[in-house]
N, C-alpha and C. Protein backbone atom coordinates (compact mmCIF):
# COMPACT_ATOMS: atom_id res chain seq x y z
N MET A 1 0.62 -1.10 -0.06
CA MET A 1 -0.04 0.07 -0.05
C MET A 1 0.84 1.18 0.14
N SER A 2 0.44 2.27 -0.80
CA SER A 2 1.33 3.43 -1.09
C SER A 2 1.34 4.13 0.65
N LYS A 3 2.46 5.14 0.44
CA LYS A 3 2.15 5.77 1.69
C LYS A 3 1.38 6.90 1.74
N LYS A 4 0.91 7.54 0.49
CA LYS A 4 -0.19 8.19 0.64
C LYS A 4 -1.49 7.71 1.01
N ARG A 5 -1.73 6.41 0.77
CA ARG A 5 -2.99 5.70 1.36
C ARG A 5 -2.87 5.59 2.67
N LEU A 6 -1.72 5.31 3.30
CA LEU A 6 -1.56 5.01 4.77
C LEU A 6 -1.95 6.43 5.49
N VAL A 7 -1.59 7.38 4.92
CA VAL A 7 -1.72 8.69 5.52
C VAL A 7 -3.12 9.00 5.58
N GLU A 8 -3.83 8.89 4.43
CA GLU A 8 -5.33 8.93 4.33
C GLU A 8 -6.07 8.04 5.22
N LEU A 9 -5.84 6.55 5.24
CA LEU A 9 -6.48 5.72 6.15
C LEU A 9 -6.28 6.12 7.72
N SER A 10 -4.85 6.72 8.03
CA SER A 10 -4.77 7.02 9.26
C SER A 10 -5.68 8.26 9.78
N MET A 11 -5.58 9.48 8.68
CA MET A 11 -6.38 10.52 8.98
C MET A 11 -7.98 10.12 9.26
N PHE A 12 -8.40 9.23 8.45
CA PHE A 12 -9.90 8.91 8.62
C PHE A 12 -9.99 8.20 10.04
N ASP A 13 -9.16 7.22 10.46
CA ASP A 13 -9.38 6.69 11.58
C ASP A 13 -9.19 7.83 12.63
N LYS A 14 -8.57 8.68 12.67
CA LYS A 14 -8.24 9.81 13.74
C LYS A 14 -9.65 10.36 13.59
N VAL A 15 -10.47 10.85 12.51
CA VAL A 15 -11.44 11.85 12.54
C VAL A 15 -12.78 10.74 13.10
N PHE A 16 -12.89 9.66 12.85
CA PHE A 16 -13.86 8.90 13.19
C PHE A 16 -13.59 8.49 14.87
N ASP A 17 -12.53 8.34 15.13
CA ASP A 17 -12.23 8.11 16.63
C ASP A 17 -12.70 9.39 17.26
N LEU A 18 -12.78 10.64 16.76
CA LEU A 18 -12.80 11.78 17.47
C LEU A 18 -14.50 11.69 17.64
N TYR A 19 -15.19 11.43 16.65
CA TYR A 19 -16.58 11.23 16.68
C TYR A 19 -16.76 10.00 17.64
N LEU A 20 -16.31 9.09 17.84
CA LEU A 20 -16.68 8.00 18.70
C LEU A 20 -16.30 8.21 20.15
N LYS A 21 -15.30 8.88 20.33
CA LYS A 21 -15.14 9.54 21.64
C LYS A 21 -16.34 10.52 22.21
N ALA A 22 -16.55 11.22 21.34
CA ALA A 22 -17.79 12.35 21.66
C ALA A 22 -19.04 11.53 21.84
N LYS A 23 -19.39 10.26 20.96
CA LYS A 23 -20.62 9.81 21.24
C LYS A 23 -20.47 8.89 22.44
N ASN A 24 -19.29 8.58 22.67
CA ASN A 24 -19.24 7.79 24.19
C ASN A 24 -19.57 8.79 25.22
N LYS A 25 -19.24 9.94 25.18
CA LYS A 25 -19.53 11.04 26.34
C LYS A 25 -20.84 11.44 26.10
N ASN A 26 -21.60 11.23 25.13
CA ASN A 26 -22.86 11.50 24.80
C ASN A 26 -22.96 13.27 24.46
N THR A 27 -21.69 13.66 23.91
CA THR A 27 -21.41 14.77 23.44
C THR A 27 -21.53 14.94 21.70
N GLN A 28 -22.04 14.01 21.33
CA GLN A 28 -21.84 14.02 19.68
C GLN A 28 -22.62 15.08 18.98
N GLN A 29 -23.52 15.56 19.50
CA GLN A 29 -24.54 16.47 18.80
C GLN A 29 -23.70 17.75 18.75
N ASP A 30 -22.94 18.07 19.95
CA ASP A 30 -22.00 19.33 20.08
C ASP A 30 -20.88 19.15 19.14
N PHE A 31 -20.35 17.85 18.90
CA PHE A 31 -19.34 17.60 17.99
C PHE A 31 -19.91 17.83 16.62
N ILE A 32 -21.07 17.45 16.14
CA ILE A 32 -21.36 17.41 14.96
C ILE A 32 -21.78 19.03 14.55
N LYS A 33 -22.30 19.70 15.68
CA LYS A 33 -22.67 21.16 15.53
C LYS A 33 -21.21 21.99 15.09
N ASN A 34 -20.00 21.59 15.82
CA ASN A 34 -18.75 22.43 15.69
C ASN A 34 -18.26 21.79 14.19
N MET A 35 -18.39 20.51 13.97
CA MET A 35 -17.95 20.11 12.87
C MET A 35 -18.87 20.70 11.53
N LYS A 36 -19.89 21.14 11.70
CA LYS A 36 -20.72 21.65 10.45
C LYS A 36 -20.24 23.44 10.43
N LYS A 37 -19.90 23.81 11.54
CA LYS A 37 -19.34 25.27 11.46
C LYS A 37 -18.09 25.18 10.67
N ARG A 38 -17.13 24.09 10.78
CA ARG A 38 -15.94 24.16 10.35
C ARG A 38 -15.80 23.67 8.95
N ASP A 39 -16.79 22.65 8.55
CA ASP A 39 -16.93 22.02 7.38
C ASP A 39 -18.33 21.38 7.19
N PRO A 40 -19.09 22.29 6.60
CA PRO A 40 -20.60 21.88 6.46
C PRO A 40 -20.70 20.55 5.81
N GLN A 41 -20.01 20.23 4.65
CA GLN A 41 -20.17 18.65 4.23
C GLN A 41 -19.76 17.55 5.13
N LEU A 42 -18.59 17.83 5.96
CA LEU A 42 -18.17 16.80 6.77
C LEU A 42 -19.25 16.75 8.08
N GLY A 43 -19.73 17.79 8.39
CA GLY A 43 -20.82 17.86 9.49
C GLY A 43 -21.91 17.19 9.12
N ALA A 44 -22.29 17.12 7.98
CA ALA A 44 -23.54 16.57 7.38
C ALA A 44 -23.30 14.97 7.25
N MET A 45 -22.07 14.82 6.87
CA MET A 45 -21.73 13.31 7.06
C MET A 45 -21.85 12.74 8.17
N TYR A 46 -21.21 13.44 9.34
CA TYR A 46 -21.49 12.85 10.47
C TYR A 46 -22.96 12.80 11.18
N GLN A 47 -23.58 13.79 10.69
CA GLN A 47 -25.05 13.77 11.19
C GLN A 47 -25.68 12.56 10.67
N LYS A 48 -25.36 12.20 9.17
CA LYS A 48 -26.11 11.23 8.49
C LYS A 48 -25.46 9.66 9.08
N TRP A 49 -24.30 9.86 9.22
CA TRP A 49 -23.96 8.41 10.20
C TRP A 49 -24.37 8.51 11.58
N ASP A 50 -24.54 9.42 12.29
CA ASP A 50 -25.09 9.34 13.53
C ASP A 50 -26.80 8.91 13.40
N ASP A 51 -27.36 9.31 12.52
CA ASP A 51 -28.77 8.96 12.34
C ASP A 51 -28.77 7.87 11.84
N SER A 52 -27.97 7.01 11.10
CA SER A 52 -27.83 5.57 10.46
C SER A 52 -27.75 4.79 11.73
N ILE A 53 -26.66 5.45 12.41
CA ILE A 53 -26.39 4.19 13.58
C ILE A 53 -27.73 4.08 14.62
N ASN A 54 -28.41 5.34 15.16
CA ASN A 54 -29.70 5.29 15.92
C ASN A 54 -30.64 4.37 14.98
N THR A 55 -30.78 4.87 13.84
CA THR A 55 -32.01 3.96 13.13
C THR A 55 -31.65 2.35 13.10
N SER A 56 -30.55 1.96 12.96
CA SER A 56 -30.20 0.53 12.87
C SER A 56 -30.36 -0.03 14.43
N LEU A 57 -29.89 0.63 15.25
CA LEU A 57 -30.22 0.19 16.66
C LEU A 57 -31.57 0.06 16.99
N ARG A 58 -32.58 0.89 16.56
CA ARG A 58 -33.90 0.91 16.78
C ARG A 58 -34.53 -0.38 16.04
N GLN A 59 -33.99 -0.57 14.81
CA GLN A 59 -34.66 -1.58 13.94
C GLN A 59 -34.11 -2.99 14.56
N MET A 60 -32.77 -3.02 15.26
CA MET A 60 -32.46 -4.34 15.73
C MET A 60 -33.24 -4.62 16.80
N LYS A 61 -33.53 -3.59 17.70
CA LYS A 61 -34.20 -3.69 18.86
C LYS A 61 -35.80 -4.22 18.58
N HIS A 62 -36.37 -3.69 17.66
CA HIS A 62 -37.79 -4.04 17.14
C HIS A 62 -37.51 -5.56 16.55
N THR A 63 -36.75 -5.85 15.90
CA THR A 63 -36.47 -7.41 15.24
C THR A 63 -36.11 -8.36 16.54
N LEU A 64 -35.36 -8.08 17.30
CA LEU A 64 -34.79 -9.01 18.17
C LEU A 64 -36.09 -9.06 19.39
N GLY A 65 -36.92 -7.83 19.49
CA GLY A 65 -37.93 -8.21 20.37
C GLY A 65 -39.12 -8.91 19.90
N LYS A 66 -39.13 -8.73 18.61
CA LYS A 66 -40.25 -9.61 17.86
C LYS A 66 -39.90 -11.11 17.96
N GLN A 67 -38.58 -11.35 18.06
CA GLN A 67 -38.11 -12.89 18.31
C GLN A 67 -38.03 -13.59 19.91
N GLY A 68 -38.53 -12.70 20.54
CA GLY A 68 -38.24 -12.68 22.01
C GLY A 68 -37.10 -12.86 22.61
N ILE A 69 -36.11 -12.13 21.84
CA ILE A 69 -34.79 -11.89 22.50
C ILE A 69 -34.56 -10.81 23.16
N ASP A 70 -33.91 -10.97 24.59
CA ASP A 70 -33.80 -9.88 25.46
C ASP A 70 -33.01 -8.57 24.58
N THR A 71 -33.35 -7.44 24.90
CA THR A 71 -33.15 -6.36 24.13
C THR A 71 -32.55 -5.18 25.38
N LYS A 72 -32.40 -5.62 26.64
CA LYS A 72 -31.92 -4.82 27.61
C LYS A 72 -30.58 -3.75 27.28
N ASP A 73 -29.85 -4.53 26.68
CA ASP A 73 -28.36 -4.02 26.23
C ASP A 73 -28.65 -2.77 25.29
N ILE A 74 -29.43 -3.28 24.05
CA ILE A 74 -29.80 -2.30 22.83
C ILE A 74 -30.47 -1.31 23.49
N GLN A 75 -31.37 -1.36 24.51
CA GLN A 75 -32.31 -0.40 25.10
C GLN A 75 -31.19 0.55 25.83
N ARG A 76 -30.39 0.03 26.70
CA ARG A 76 -29.43 0.95 27.43
C ARG A 76 -28.67 1.73 26.60
N VAL A 77 -28.25 1.25 25.41
CA VAL A 77 -27.43 1.93 24.31
C VAL A 77 -28.12 3.19 23.83
N LEU A 78 -29.22 2.83 23.31
CA LEU A 78 -30.42 3.69 22.78
C LEU A 78 -30.68 4.82 23.76
N LYS A 79 -30.62 4.40 25.13
CA LYS A 79 -31.01 5.73 25.97
C LYS A 79 -29.80 6.49 26.22
N LYS A 80 -28.51 5.83 26.20
CA LYS A 80 -27.47 6.56 26.30
C LYS A 80 -27.14 7.68 25.01
N LYS A 81 -27.77 7.26 23.98
CA LYS A 81 -27.55 7.71 22.66
C LYS A 81 -26.22 7.27 21.91
N TYR A 82 -25.78 6.04 22.40
CA TYR A 82 -24.35 5.74 22.09
C TYR A 82 -24.39 4.99 20.93
């Protein structure tokens, strides 16, 4: 793999790590708002990603609940918005 690609991958890894740290602290909306001020396109990408994560978790909870599978862990994550 070329050095340029490794740098790009490293940069993306750091950018996503910043988002996940904010999400873990439940400050992802502040992070997204600040990102939209700095780079509207990147902020919109983060907002879409955050919305997709939450939608997937809600769908997973619904599907597992219909199957009678315990969803306490997913509910805890959804309450935390993590």
